[in-house]
Protein backbone atom coordinates (compact mmCIF):
# COMPACT_ATOMS: atom_id res chain seq x y z
CA MET A 1 20.03 -75.76 -45.31
CA LYS A 2 18.09 -73.72 -42.77
CA ALA A 3 15.54 -71.15 -43.95
CA VAL A 4 12.85 -69.02 -42.34
CA SER A 5 9.52 -69.84 -43.91
CA ILE A 6 5.90 -68.77 -43.60
CA LYS A 7 2.96 -70.71 -45.06
CA GLU A 8 0.12 -68.34 -44.25
CA LYS A 9 -0.31 -64.76 -43.10
CA GLY A 10 -1.80 -63.45 -39.88
CA SER A 11 0.53 -64.19 -36.97
CA PHE A 12 4.17 -64.19 -35.97
CA GLU A 13 3.50 -67.72 -34.71
CA ASN A 14 3.30 -68.85 -38.32
CA ILE A 15 7.04 -68.28 -38.78
CA GLN A 16 9.02 -71.53 -38.94
CA VAL A 17 12.69 -72.38 -39.28
CA VAL A 18 12.78 -75.30 -41.72
CA GLU A 19 15.33 -77.55 -43.46
CA ILE A 20 15.21 -77.35 -47.25
CA ASN A 21 17.51 -78.15 -50.14
CA LYS A 22 20.17 -75.69 -51.22
CA PRO A 23 19.05 -73.81 -54.38
CA VAL A 24 20.15 -75.19 -57.75
CA ILE A 25 21.18 -72.23 -59.87
CA GLN A 26 20.29 -71.56 -63.49
CA PRO A 27 22.93 -70.45 -66.05
CA ASP A 28 22.18 -66.76 -65.35
CA GLU A 29 22.11 -67.12 -61.56
CA ILE A 30 24.52 -66.82 -58.65
CA LEU A 31 24.53 -68.95 -55.50
CA VAL A 32 25.28 -66.85 -52.42
CA HIS A 33 26.09 -68.08 -48.94
CA VAL A 34 24.13 -65.57 -46.87
CA ASN A 35 26.26 -64.41 -43.94
CA ALA A 36 23.67 -61.86 -42.82
CA ALA A 37 20.18 -60.72 -43.81
CA GLY A 38 18.66 -57.31 -43.21
CA ILE A 39 15.17 -57.02 -41.74
CA ASN A 40 12.79 -54.43 -43.16
CA PRO A 41 9.25 -53.37 -42.22
CA VAL A 42 7.87 -55.13 -45.31
CA ASP A 43 9.00 -58.41 -43.73
CA TRP A 44 6.80 -58.17 -40.65
CA LYS A 45 4.02 -56.69 -42.77
CA THR A 46 4.25 -59.77 -44.98
CA VAL A 47 3.93 -62.01 -41.92
CA LEU A 48 0.85 -60.20 -40.64
CA ASN A 49 -0.83 -59.05 -43.85
CA GLY A 50 0.61 -61.13 -46.68
CA TYR A 51 2.14 -59.48 -49.74
CA PHE A 52 3.57 -62.40 -51.66
CA PRO A 53 2.45 -65.89 -52.73
CA MET A 54 2.97 -68.39 -49.93
CA PRO A 55 4.69 -70.55 -48.77
CA LEU A 56 7.56 -68.07 -48.77
CA ILE A 57 11.11 -67.78 -47.51
CA LEU A 58 11.12 -64.31 -45.95
CA GLY A 59 13.46 -61.40 -46.57
CA SER A 60 15.04 -59.46 -49.41
CA ASP A 61 18.35 -58.00 -48.13
CA ILE A 62 21.53 -60.09 -48.16
CA ALA A 63 25.24 -59.82 -47.49
CA GLY A 64 27.32 -62.85 -48.25
CA VAL A 65 29.91 -64.71 -50.29
CA ILE A 66 29.37 -66.16 -53.74
CA GLU A 67 29.70 -69.93 -53.71
CA ALA A 68 28.98 -70.65 -57.38
CA VAL A 69 28.03 -68.85 -60.59
CA GLY A 70 26.13 -70.02 -63.66
CA ALA A 71 27.75 -70.26 -67.07
CA ASP A 72 26.17 -67.00 -68.28
CA VAL A 73 27.28 -64.86 -65.32
CA LYS A 74 29.88 -62.32 -66.44
CA ASN A 75 30.73 -59.93 -63.60
CA TYR A 76 31.06 -62.11 -60.50
CA LYS A 77 33.03 -65.16 -59.43
CA PRO A 78 33.11 -67.55 -56.47
CA GLY A 79 34.58 -65.90 -53.40
CA ASP A 80 33.27 -62.41 -54.19
CA GLU A 81 31.66 -60.65 -51.24
CA VAL A 82 28.34 -59.11 -52.28
CA ILE A 83 25.24 -57.33 -51.05
CA GLY A 84 21.85 -56.88 -52.64
CA SER A 85 18.10 -56.69 -52.42
CA LEU A 86 16.68 -59.79 -54.06
CA GLN A 87 13.97 -60.14 -56.67
CA TRP A 88 10.90 -58.64 -55.03
CA ASP A 89 8.34 -61.34 -55.79
CA LYS A 90 10.66 -64.17 -54.71
CA GLN A 91 12.29 -62.78 -51.53
CA SER A 92 14.32 -65.66 -49.90
CA ALA A 93 17.01 -63.77 -47.93
CA TYR A 94 16.36 -65.48 -44.58
CA ALA A 95 18.26 -68.62 -45.47
CA GLU A 96 21.76 -70.05 -45.39
CA TYR A 97 21.93 -69.88 -49.19
CA THR A 98 20.00 -68.02 -51.88
CA ALA A 99 20.05 -67.83 -55.66
CA THR A 100 19.94 -64.47 -57.41
CA LYS A 101 20.72 -62.71 -60.69
CA GLU A 102 23.50 -60.18 -61.27
CA LYS A 103 21.09 -57.25 -61.55
CA TYR A 104 20.16 -57.53 -57.87
CA ILE A 105 23.63 -57.36 -56.32
CA THR A 106 26.84 -55.37 -56.12
CA HIS A 107 30.12 -55.81 -54.27
CA LYS A 108 30.02 -55.46 -50.50
CA PRO A 109 31.50 -52.32 -48.87
CA LYS A 110 35.10 -53.15 -47.97
CA ASN A 111 34.96 -51.26 -44.68
CA LEU A 112 31.82 -52.91 -43.29
CA SER A 113 31.13 -56.23 -41.63
CA PHE A 114 28.61 -58.58 -43.21
CA ALA A 115 26.09 -57.61 -40.52
CA GLU A 116 26.48 -53.91 -41.27
CA SER A 117 26.41 -54.54 -45.01
CA ALA A 118 23.13 -56.47 -44.79
CA GLY A 119 21.51 -53.32 -43.44
CA VAL A 120 22.29 -51.34 -46.58
CA PRO A 121 20.34 -52.42 -49.68
CA LEU A 122 16.58 -51.83 -49.35
CA ALA A 123 16.69 -48.98 -46.84
CA SER A 124 19.45 -47.07 -48.62
CA LEU A 125 17.90 -47.52 -52.06
CA THR A 126 14.52 -46.40 -50.74
CA ALA A 127 16.08 -43.27 -49.23
CA TRP A 128 18.13 -42.54 -52.36
CA GLN A 129 15.22 -42.93 -54.76
CA ALA A 130 12.84 -40.99 -52.51
CA LEU A 131 15.16 -38.00 -52.21
CA PHE A 132 16.73 -37.86 -55.65
CA ASP A 133 14.50 -39.69 -58.14
CA HIS A 134 11.15 -38.53 -56.73
CA GLY A 135 12.00 -35.60 -54.44
CA ARG A 136 14.60 -34.15 -56.84
CA LEU A 137 16.47 -32.78 -53.84
CA GLU A 138 19.21 -30.26 -54.61
CA ALA A 139 21.94 -28.55 -52.64
CA GLY A 140 20.64 -25.66 -50.54
CA GLN A 141 17.10 -26.99 -50.33
CA LYS A 142 15.17 -27.79 -47.16
CA VAL A 143 14.02 -31.37 -46.57
CA VAL A 144 11.90 -33.00 -43.86
CA ILE A 145 12.61 -36.64 -43.03
CA HIS A 146 9.99 -38.32 -40.88
CA ALA A 147 11.12 -41.11 -38.53
CA GLY A 148 14.71 -39.92 -38.85
CA ALA A 149 16.11 -42.62 -36.57
CA GLY A 150 14.64 -45.49 -38.59
CA GLY A 151 16.45 -47.56 -41.18
CA VAL A 152 15.38 -45.43 -44.16
CA GLY A 153 15.47 -42.20 -42.17
CA LEU A 154 19.12 -42.49 -41.17
CA PHE A 155 20.24 -43.12 -44.73
CA ALA A 156 18.06 -40.29 -46.01
CA LEU A 157 19.46 -37.86 -43.45
CA GLN A 158 23.04 -38.65 -44.45
CA PHE A 159 22.32 -38.56 -48.18
CA ALA A 160 20.60 -35.19 -47.84
CA LYS A 161 23.53 -33.72 -45.90
CA TRP A 162 25.97 -35.13 -48.47
CA LYS A 163 23.93 -33.40 -51.15
CA GLY A 164 24.15 -30.09 -49.28
CA ALA A 165 20.55 -29.79 -48.06
CA TRP A 166 19.20 -28.43 -44.77
CA VAL A 167 17.59 -31.32 -42.90
CA ALA A 168 14.81 -31.45 -40.34
CA ALA A 169 14.07 -34.90 -38.90
CA THR A 170 11.16 -36.00 -36.72
CA SER A 171 11.65 -38.34 -33.78
CA SER A 172 10.84 -38.89 -30.14
CA GLU A 173 12.87 -37.06 -27.49
CA ARG A 174 15.26 -39.98 -26.90
CA ASN A 175 16.70 -39.66 -30.43
CA ILE A 176 17.13 -35.87 -30.62
CA ASN A 177 20.81 -35.74 -29.66
CA PHE A 178 21.59 -38.84 -31.68
CA LEU A 179 20.08 -37.40 -34.87
CA LYS A 180 21.89 -34.11 -34.39
CA SER A 181 25.14 -36.05 -34.05
CA VAL A 182 24.40 -37.72 -37.40
CA GLY A 183 23.91 -34.31 -39.01
CA ALA A 184 20.30 -33.16 -38.60
CA ASP A 185 20.01 -29.35 -38.54
CA GLU A 186 16.70 -29.52 -36.67
CA VAL A 187 14.95 -32.37 -34.85
CA VAL A 188 11.23 -32.08 -34.19
CA ASP A 189 9.97 -34.05 -31.18
CA TYR A 190 6.63 -35.28 -32.54
CA THR A 191 5.38 -35.99 -29.00
CA LYS A 192 5.53 -32.27 -28.13
CA TYR A 193 5.28 -30.31 -31.35
CA LYS A 194 3.54 -30.26 -34.67
CA LEU A 195 5.92 -30.23 -37.62
CA THR A 196 4.64 -26.81 -38.70
CA ASP A 197 5.46 -25.36 -35.27
CA ILE A 198 9.12 -25.72 -36.28
CA VAL A 199 9.40 -26.12 -40.05
CA LYS A 200 7.87 -24.06 -42.87
CA ASP A 201 8.56 -23.67 -46.60
CA ALA A 202 10.23 -27.03 -47.04
CA ASP A 203 11.16 -28.15 -50.54
CA VAL A 204 10.81 -31.91 -49.95
CA VAL A 205 9.17 -34.19 -47.38
CA LEU A 206 10.06 -37.88 -47.12
CA ASP A 207 7.26 -39.58 -45.19
CA SER A 208 7.58 -43.13 -43.89
CA ILE A 209 4.70 -42.68 -41.43
CA ALA A 210 1.95 -41.15 -43.60
CA THR A 211 -0.92 -41.20 -41.13
CA PRO A 212 -3.64 -38.67 -42.01
CA GLU A 213 -2.31 -36.26 -39.39
CA VAL A 214 1.31 -36.58 -40.53
CA GLN A 215 0.33 -36.17 -44.17
CA MET A 216 -1.60 -32.99 -43.39
CA GLU A 217 1.28 -31.50 -41.41
CA SER A 218 3.70 -32.50 -44.15
CA PHE A 219 1.69 -30.76 -46.85
CA LYS A 220 1.35 -27.64 -44.69
CA SER A 221 5.11 -27.54 -44.14
CA LEU A 222 5.88 -27.54 -47.87
CA LYS A 223 6.26 -24.46 -50.01
CA LYS A 224 4.14 -24.02 -53.12
CA GLY A 225 5.39 -26.45 -55.70
CA GLY A 226 7.16 -28.58 -53.09
CA ARG A 227 7.46 -32.35 -53.32
CA TYR A 228 5.91 -34.90 -50.96
CA VAL A 229 7.15 -38.49 -51.17
CA SER A 230 5.48 -41.33 -49.24
CA ILE A 231 7.01 -44.79 -48.91
CA THR A 232 4.04 -46.28 -47.05
CA SER A 233 0.48 -44.99 -47.48
CA ASN A 234 -1.28 -43.55 -50.48
CA ILE A 235 -1.82 -39.78 -50.59
CA ARG A 236 -5.24 -38.54 -49.57
CA GLU A 237 -7.17 -37.13 -52.52
CA GLU A 238 -8.33 -34.02 -50.66
CA LEU A 239 -4.71 -33.04 -50.03
CA LYS A 240 -3.92 -33.30 -53.71
CA LYS A 241 -6.83 -30.96 -54.42
CA ASP A 242 -6.17 -28.42 -51.67
CA PHE A 243 -2.39 -27.95 -52.04
CA ASP A 244 -0.20 -27.02 -54.99
CA ILE A 245 2.18 -29.86 -54.19
CA TYR A 246 3.70 -32.70 -56.20
CA ALA A 247 2.86 -35.88 -54.27
CA THR A 248 3.71 -39.50 -54.92
CA ARG A 249 3.94 -42.86 -53.23
CA PHE A 250 6.51 -45.32 -54.54
CA LEU A 251 8.09 -48.71 -53.97
CA PHE A 252 11.87 -48.92 -54.30
CA ILE A 253 13.48 -50.70 -57.25
CA SER A 254 16.53 -52.91 -56.74
CA ASN A 255 19.13 -50.90 -58.67
CA PRO A 256 22.75 -52.13 -58.63
CA ASP A 257 24.11 -48.92 -60.18
CA GLN A 258 22.62 -46.77 -57.42
CA LEU A 259 23.67 -49.33 -54.82
CA LYS A 260 27.23 -49.12 -56.14
CA GLN A 261 27.16 -45.32 -55.69
CA ILE A 262 25.95 -45.80 -52.12
CA VAL A 263 28.73 -48.31 -51.44
CA GLN A 264 31.24 -45.74 -52.66
CA LEU A 265 29.86 -43.16 -50.21
CA ILE A 266 30.11 -45.72 -47.41
CA GLU A 267 33.67 -46.65 -48.30
CA GLY A 268 34.53 -42.96 -48.51
CA GLY A 269 33.33 -42.43 -44.94
CA MET A 270 30.48 -40.12 -45.91
CA VAL A 271 27.68 -42.50 -44.90
CA LYS A 272 27.54 -44.74 -41.83
CA VAL A 273 25.39 -47.78 -41.16
CA PHE A 274 23.71 -47.98 -37.75
CA ILE A 275 22.79 -51.39 -36.35
CA ASP A 276 20.30 -51.54 -33.50
CA LYS A 277 20.29 -55.30 -32.81
CA THR A 278 21.41 -58.58 -34.33
CA TYR A 279 19.74 -61.97 -33.94
CA PRO A 280 20.72 -65.46 -35.06
CA LEU A 281 18.73 -66.81 -38.02
CA ALA A 282 16.87 -69.22 -35.75
CA GLU A 283 15.44 -66.25 -33.79
CA ALA A 284 13.92 -64.52 -36.81
CA LYS A 285 10.49 -64.45 -35.17
CA ASP A 286 11.83 -62.49 -32.18
CA ALA A 287 13.68 -60.12 -34.50
CA LEU A 288 10.54 -59.40 -36.53
CA ILE A 289 8.47 -58.84 -33.40
CA TYR A 290 11.12 -56.39 -32.15
CA LEU A 291 11.12 -54.41 -35.40
CA HIS A 292 7.31 -54.40 -35.42
CA LYS A 293 7.35 -52.49 -32.12
CA GLY A 294 8.78 -49.50 -33.97
CA ARG A 295 11.52 -48.60 -31.53
CA ALA A 296 14.62 -49.64 -33.47
CA ARG A 297 17.33 -47.04 -34.02
CA GLY A 298 18.76 -48.07 -37.36
CA LYS A 299 18.74 -51.62 -38.68
CA VAL A 300 17.91 -55.04 -37.25
CA ILE A 301 19.95 -57.92 -38.72
CA LEU A 302 19.84 -61.73 -38.84
CA ILE A 303 23.18 -63.52 -38.62
CA ASN A 304 23.99 -66.95 -40.04
CA ASN A 305 26.30 -68.70 -37.57
């Protein structure tokens, strides 16, 4: 089978499409034919900076069809259409087939294509856990979502509106009308304004940028006792000292129960998936370079032909 592999970090040129054997599953594992794989920022960061033991088959997000199940698998059968974010330390989504355990998958949304479905797991779970597990967002509260047009940002915006929150998103000018059409109550053009020029007394900030300047503005925009959640950089110690703010950085956890809730929202028409571009598996390097540029509106997806 074909798979996208990297043997050492440091350059996109290290990415190779290789031929390897199809996985042999254990009794508690499921063999999935991967119809599509979602690309996330951690994937290009792995290529450039290294996060996992190498050699490595890249990628964590899959949408596909179960080909075989081990003897101990209880809840899935061959032919089931599934999505999931794979075991973090193994990755292996960028391949024609992958092996996984039940706890990393759930059934695919019935109303989405495989390409759309592959864009769901990591980004939606990150947004869900940031807003509700760490941000404790409630109806009627005010939330700031940085990089609102990104993969995580678009899910977070829709989840927050579903919850009944008032949402301000940051973006460049080209995405203002788009984000308002998705439901943003306010869009702050970061090229022209500081966040605090527009937004004050926020209850929650979800920060996927977390530069020193963005962190400072985020803390200033929060009310006393507000909650700041970073999904990228650590929080600067001086901010923790100077502001009465709860602040945390976290890494998402693959959670099939939460993913099932998200699928239900998608099937109910309350959450949409936005795909920016698709690439064939063999062009994974180009896809990762494109995402690295930081201009994608929504998700970038690899397709297995």
